Amino acid sequence: MPSILRRLLKNQQAATLIEYSLIVALIATATVTGMDAIGNGMRNVMTSVSNAMN
């Protein structure tokens, strides 16, 4: 396995692909985290509205 990684890192295109993949993974993680926070906030707002209507 380490020899495969060494060969990939020596190849410039593969190294660039790995870098872009890591960036995409970071963006996806941040997006999911942000959406989770927004969802929790919306749930709180809807619960408050529902309680006010009762």
PDB file of N, CA and C in Angstrom:
ATOM      1  N   MET A   1       0.815  -1.209   0.000  1.00  0.00           N
ATOM      2  CA  MET A   1       0.000   0.000   0.000  1.00  0.00           C
ATOM      3  C   MET A   1       0.853   1.265   0.000  1.00  0.00           C
ATOM      4  N   PRO A   2       1.885   1.377   0.846  1.00  0.00           N
ATOM      5  CA  PRO A   2       2.710   2.584   0.830  1.00  0.00           C
ATOM      6  C   PRO A   2       3.374   2.814  -0.524  1.00  0.00           C
ATOM      7  N   SER A   3       3.739   1.730  -1.244  1.00  0.00           N
ATOM      8  CA  SER A   3       4.380   1.917  -2.550  1.00  0.00           C
ATOM      9  C   SER A   3       3.408   2.529  -3.550  1.00  0.00           C
ATOM     10  N   ILE A   4       2.144   2.201  -3.448  1.00  0.00           N
ATOM     11  CA  ILE A   4       1.136   2.789  -4.332  1.00  0.00           C
ATOM     12  C   ILE A   4       1.008   4.280  -4.043  1.00  0.00           C
ATOM     13  N   LEU A   5       0.978   4.649  -2.774  1.00  0.00           N
ATOM     14  CA  LEU A   5       0.890   6.058  -2.410  1.00  0.00           C
ATOM     15  C   LEU A   5       2.127   6.824  -2.870  1.00  0.00           C
ATOM     16  N   ARG A   6       3.297   6.223  -2.736  1.00  0.00           N
ATOM     17  CA  ARG A   6       4.528   6.883  -3.177  1.00  0.00           C
ATOM     18  C   ARG A   6       4.498   7.132  -4.681  1.00  0.00           C
ATOM     19  N   ARG A   7       4.040   6.127  -5.438  1.00  0.00           N
ATOM     20  CA  ARG A   7       3.953   6.299  -6.900  1.00  0.00           C
ATOM     21  C   ARG A   7       2.952   7.376  -7.265  1.00  0.00           C
ATOM     22  N   LEU A   8       1.814   7.402  -6.558  1.00  0.00           N
ATOM     23  CA  LEU A   8       0.806   8.420  -6.854  1.00  0.00           C
ATOM     24  C   LEU A   8       1.321   9.819  -6.544  1.00  0.00           C
ATOM     25  N   LEU A   9       2.037   9.967  -5.440  1.00  0.00           N
ATOM     26  CA  LEU A   9       2.540  11.278  -5.063  1.00  0.00           C
ATOM     27  C   LEU A   9       3.655  11.767  -5.979  1.00  0.00           C
ATOM     28  N   LYS A  10       4.383  10.849  -6.611  1.00  0.00           N
ATOM     29  CA  LYS A  10       5.419  11.248  -7.564  1.00  0.00           C
ATOM     30  C   LYS A  10       4.797  11.749  -8.864  1.00  0.00           C
ATOM     31  N   ASN A  11       3.640  11.222  -9.206  1.00  0.00           N
ATOM     32  CA  ASN A  11       2.941  11.638 -10.407  1.00  0.00           C
ATOM     33  C   ASN A  11       2.227  12.956 -10.110  1.00  0.00           C
ATOM     34  N   GLN A  12       2.552  14.012 -10.830  1.00  0.00           N
ATOM     35  CA  GLN A  12       2.018  15.349 -10.548  1.00  0.00           C
ATOM     36  C   GLN A  12       0.497  15.400 -10.698  1.00  0.00           C
ATOM     37  N   GLN A  13      -0.034  14.758 -11.723  1.00  0.00           N
ATOM     38  CA  GLN A  13      -1.489  14.773 -11.920  1.00  0.00           C
ATOM     39  C   GLN A  13      -2.202  14.062 -10.777  1.00  0.00           C
ATOM     40  N   ALA A  14      -1.646  12.968 -10.332  1.00  0.00           N
ATOM     41  CA  ALA A  14      -2.260  12.231  -9.226  1.00  0.00           C
ATOM     42  C   ALA A  14      -2.188  13.044  -7.942  1.00  0.00           C
ATOM     43  N   ALA A  15      -1.074  13.731  -7.734  1.00  0.00           N
ATOM     44  CA  ALA A  15      -0.942  14.561  -6.535  1.00  0.00           C
ATOM     45  C   ALA A  15      -1.967  15.688  -6.561  1.00  0.00           C
ATOM     46  N   THR A  16      -2.159  16.286  -7.726  1.00  0.00           N
ATOM     47  CA  THR A  16      -3.156  17.348  -7.864  1.00  0.00           C
ATOM     48  C   THR A  16      -4.553  16.799  -7.617  1.00  0.00           C
ATOM     49  N   LEU A  17      -4.835  15.618  -8.126  1.00  0.00           N
ATOM     50  CA  LEU A  17      -6.133  14.989  -7.913  1.00  0.00           C
ATOM     51  C   LEU A  17      -6.368  14.732  -6.425  1.00  0.00           C
ATOM     52  N   ILE A  18      -5.348  14.269  -5.734  1.00  0.00           N
ATOM     53  CA  ILE A  18      -5.468  14.012  -4.297  1.00  0.00           C
ATOM     54  C   ILE A  18      -5.730  15.317  -3.555  1.00  0.00           C
ATOM     55  N   GLU A  19      -5.026  16.375  -3.932  1.00  0.00           N
ATOM     56  CA  GLU A  19      -5.225  17.676  -3.274  1.00  0.00           C
ATOM     57  C   GLU A  19      -6.652  18.172  -3.487  1.00  0.00           C
ATOM     58  N   TYR A  20      -7.138  18.097  -4.711  1.00  0.00           N
ATOM     59  CA  TYR A  20      -8.506  18.533  -4.995  1.00  0.00           C
ATOM     60  C   TYR A  20      -9.531  17.678  -4.257  1.00  0.00           C
ATOM     61  N   SER A  21      -9.264  16.388  -4.144  1.00  0.00           N
ATOM     62  CA  SER A  21     -10.174  15.496  -3.416  1.00  0.00           C
ATOM     63  C   SER A  21     -10.252  15.889  -1.944  1.00  0.00           C
ATOM     64  N   LEU A  22      -9.121  16.235  -1.367  1.00  0.00           N
ATOM     65  CA  LEU A  22      -9.114  16.669   0.035  1.00  0.00           C
ATOM     66  C   LEU A  22      -9.870  17.983   0.212  1.00  0.00           C
ATOM     67  N   ILE A  23      -9.721  18.899  -0.739  1.00  0.00           N
ATOM     68  CA  ILE A  23     -10.448  20.166  -0.671  1.00  0.00           C
ATOM     69  C   ILE A  23     -11.948  19.921  -0.764  1.00  0.00           C
ATOM     70  N   VAL A  24     -12.363  19.060  -1.681  1.00  0.00           N
ATOM     71  CA  VAL A  24     -13.791  18.745  -1.833  1.00  0.00           C
ATOM     72  C   VAL A  24     -14.328  18.092  -0.563  1.00  0.00           C
ATOM     73  N   ALA A  25     -13.558  17.210   0.037  1.00  0.00           N
ATOM     74  CA  ALA A  25     -13.995  16.557   1.274  1.00  0.00           C
ATOM     75  C   ALA A  25     -14.158  17.583   2.395  1.00  0.00           C
ATOM     76  N   LEU A  26     -13.246  18.541   2.472  1.00  0.00           N
ATOM     77  CA  LEU A  26     -13.334  19.587   3.494  1.00  0.00           C
ATOM     78  C   LEU A  26     -14.572  20.454   3.266  1.00  0.00           C
ATOM     79  N   ILE A  27     -14.823  20.833   2.033  1.00  0.00           N
ATOM     80  CA  ILE A  27     -16.002  21.640   1.719  1.00  0.00           C
ATOM     81  C   ILE A  27     -17.280  20.863   2.036  1.00  0.00           C
ATOM     82  N   ALA A  28     -17.319  19.585   1.700  1.00  0.00           N
ATOM     83  CA  ALA A  28     -18.502  18.767   1.988  1.00  0.00           C
ATOM     84  C   ALA A  28     -18.740  18.669   3.491  1.00  0.00           C
ATOM     85  N   THR A  29     -17.685  18.489   4.264  1.00  0.00           N
ATOM     86  CA  THR A  29     -17.814  18.408   5.720  1.00  0.00           C
ATOM     87  C   THR A  29     -18.343  19.715   6.291  1.00  0.00           C
ATOM     88  N   ALA A  30     -17.810  20.827   5.808  1.00  0.00           N
ATOM     89  CA  ALA A  30     -18.270  22.136   6.286  1.00  0.00           C
ATOM     90  C   ALA A  30     -19.732  22.370   5.903  1.00  0.00           C
ATOM     91  N   THR A  31     -20.117  21.953   4.706  1.00  0.00           N
ATOM     92  CA  THR A  31     -21.497  22.124   4.253  1.00  0.00           C
ATOM     93  C   THR A  31     -22.465  21.313   5.105  1.00  0.00           C
ATOM     94  N   VAL A  32     -22.125  20.069   5.370  1.00  0.00           N
ATOM     95  CA  VAL A  32     -22.990  19.219   6.193  1.00  0.00           C
ATOM     96  C   VAL A  32     -23.116  19.789   7.596  1.00  0.00           C
ATOM     97  N   THR A  33     -22.016  20.250   8.160  1.00  0.00           N
ATOM     98  CA  THR A  33     -22.040  20.835   9.501  1.00  0.00           C
ATOM     99  C   THR A  33     -22.913  22.083   9.524  1.00  0.00           C
ATOM    100  N   GLY A  34     -22.757  22.924   8.511  1.00  0.00           N
ATOM    101  CA  GLY A  34     -23.566  24.136   8.427  1.00  0.00           C
ATOM    102  C   GLY A  34     -25.043  23.841   8.267  1.00  0.00           C
ATOM    103  N   MET A  35     -25.360  22.879   7.426  1.00  0.00           N
ATOM    104  CA  MET A  35     -26.770  22.524   7.226  1.00  0.00           C
ATOM    105  C   MET A  35     -27.379  21.947   8.504  1.00  0.00           C
ATOM    106  N   ASP A  36     -26.593  21.214   9.251  1.00  0.00           N
ATOM    107  CA  ASP A  36     -27.072  20.667  10.521  1.00  0.00           C
ATOM    108  C   ASP A  36     -27.411  21.793  11.490  1.00  0.00           C
ATOM    109  N   ALA A  37     -26.548  22.794  11.554  1.00  0.00           N
ATOM    110  CA  ALA A  37     -26.794  23.932  12.445  1.00  0.00           C
ATOM    111  C   ALA A  37     -28.037  24.706  12.011  1.00  0.00           C
ATOM    112  N   ILE A  38     -28.184  24.908  10.713  1.00  0.00           N
ATOM    113  CA  ILE A  38     -29.367  25.613  10.196  1.00  0.00           C
ATOM    114  C   ILE A  38     -30.630  24.809  10.491  1.00  0.00           C
ATOM    115  N   GLY A  39     -30.552  23.497  10.316  1.00  0.00           N
ATOM    116  CA  GLY A  39     -31.706  22.641  10.597  1.00  0.00           C
ATOM    117  C   GLY A  39     -32.125  22.706  12.053  1.00  0.00           C
ATOM    118  N   ASN A  40     -31.149  22.703  12.947  1.00  0.00           N
ATOM    119  CA  ASN A  40     -31.464  22.801  14.377  1.00  0.00           C
ATOM    120  C   ASN A  40     -32.105  24.145  14.697  1.00  0.00           C
ATOM    121  N   GLY A  41     -31.588  25.207  14.102  1.00  0.00           N
ATOM    122  CA  GLY A  41     -32.172  26.531  14.319  1.00  0.00           C
ATOM    123  C   GLY A  41     -33.598  26.611  13.805  1.00  0.00           C
ATOM    124  N   MET A  42     -33.838  26.045  12.635  1.00  0.00           N
ATOM    125  CA  MET A  42     -35.194  26.054  12.071  1.00  0.00           C
ATOM    126  C   MET A  42     -36.152  25.232  12.937  1.00  0.00           C
ATOM    127  N   ARG A  43     -35.680  24.123  13.468  1.00  0.00           N
ATOM    128  CA  ARG A  43     -36.528  23.297  14.334  1.00  0.00           C
ATOM    129  C   ARG A  43     -36.941  24.096  15.563  1.00  0.00           C
ATOM    130  N   ASN A  44     -35.997  24.841  16.127  1.00  0.00           N
ATOM    131  CA  ASN A  44     -36.305  25.658  17.309  1.00  0.00           C
ATOM    132  C   ASN A  44     -37.327  26.737  16.980  1.00  0.00           C
ATOM    133  N   VAL A  45     -37.178  27.362  15.819  1.00  0.00           N
ATOM    134  CA  VAL A  45     -38.129  28.406  15.411  1.00  0.00           C
ATOM    135  C   VAL A  45     -39.506  27.802  15.222  1.00  0.00           C
ATOM    136  N   MET A  46     -39.588  26.689  14.538  1.00  0.00           N
ATOM    137  CA  MET A  46     -40.892  26.056  14.283  1.00  0.00           C
ATOM    138  C   MET A  46     -41.533  25.576  15.577  1.00  0.00           C
ATOM    139  N   THR A  47     -40.744  25.087  16.516  1.00  0.00           N
ATOM    140  CA  THR A  47     -41.279  24.666  17.800  1.00  0.00           C
ATOM    141  C   THR A  47     -41.838  25.864  18.560  1.00  0.00           C
ATOM    142  N   SER A  48     -41.129  26.994  18.514  1.00  0.00           N
ATOM    143  CA  SER A  48     -41.607  28.205  19.175  1.00  0.00           C
ATOM    144  C   SER A  48     -42.919  28.693  18.558  1.00  0.00           C
ATOM    145  N   VAL A  49     -42.993  28.658  17.238  1.00  0.00           N
ATOM    146  CA  VAL A  49     -44.222  29.084  16.550  1.00  0.00           C
ATOM    147  C   VAL A  49     -45.372  28.155  16.915  1.00  0.00           C
ATOM    148  N   SER A  50     -45.095  26.859  16.926  1.00  0.00           N
ATOM    149  CA  SER A  50     -46.136  25.888  17.269  1.00  0.00           C
ATOM    150  C   SER A  50     -46.630  26.073  18.693  1.00  0.00           C
ATOM    151  N   ASN A  51     -45.706  26.309  19.618  1.00  0.00           N
ATOM    152  CA  ASN A  51     -46.103  26.531  21.008  1.00  0.00           C
ATOM    153  C   ASN A  51     -46.895  27.811  21.165  1.00  0.00           C
ATOM    154  N   ALA A  52     -46.550  28.837  20.402  1.00  0.00           N
ATOM    155  CA  ALA A  52     -47.273  30.109  20.484  1.00  0.00           C
ATOM    156  C   ALA A  52     -48.691  29.972  19.946  1.00  0.00           C
ATOM    157  N   MET A  53     -48.886  29.085  19.006  1.00  0.00           N
ATOM    158  CA  MET A  53     -50.209  28.909  18.406  1.00  0.00           C
ATOM    159  C   MET A  53     -51.116  28.083  19.311  1.00  0.00           C
ATOM    160  N   ASN A  54     -50.568  27.332  20.214  1.00  0.00           N
ATOM    161  CA  ASN A  54     -51.378  26.475  21.104  1.00  0.00           C
ATOM    162  C   ASN A  54     -51.970  27.243  22.213  1.00  0.00           C
TER     163      ASN A  54
END
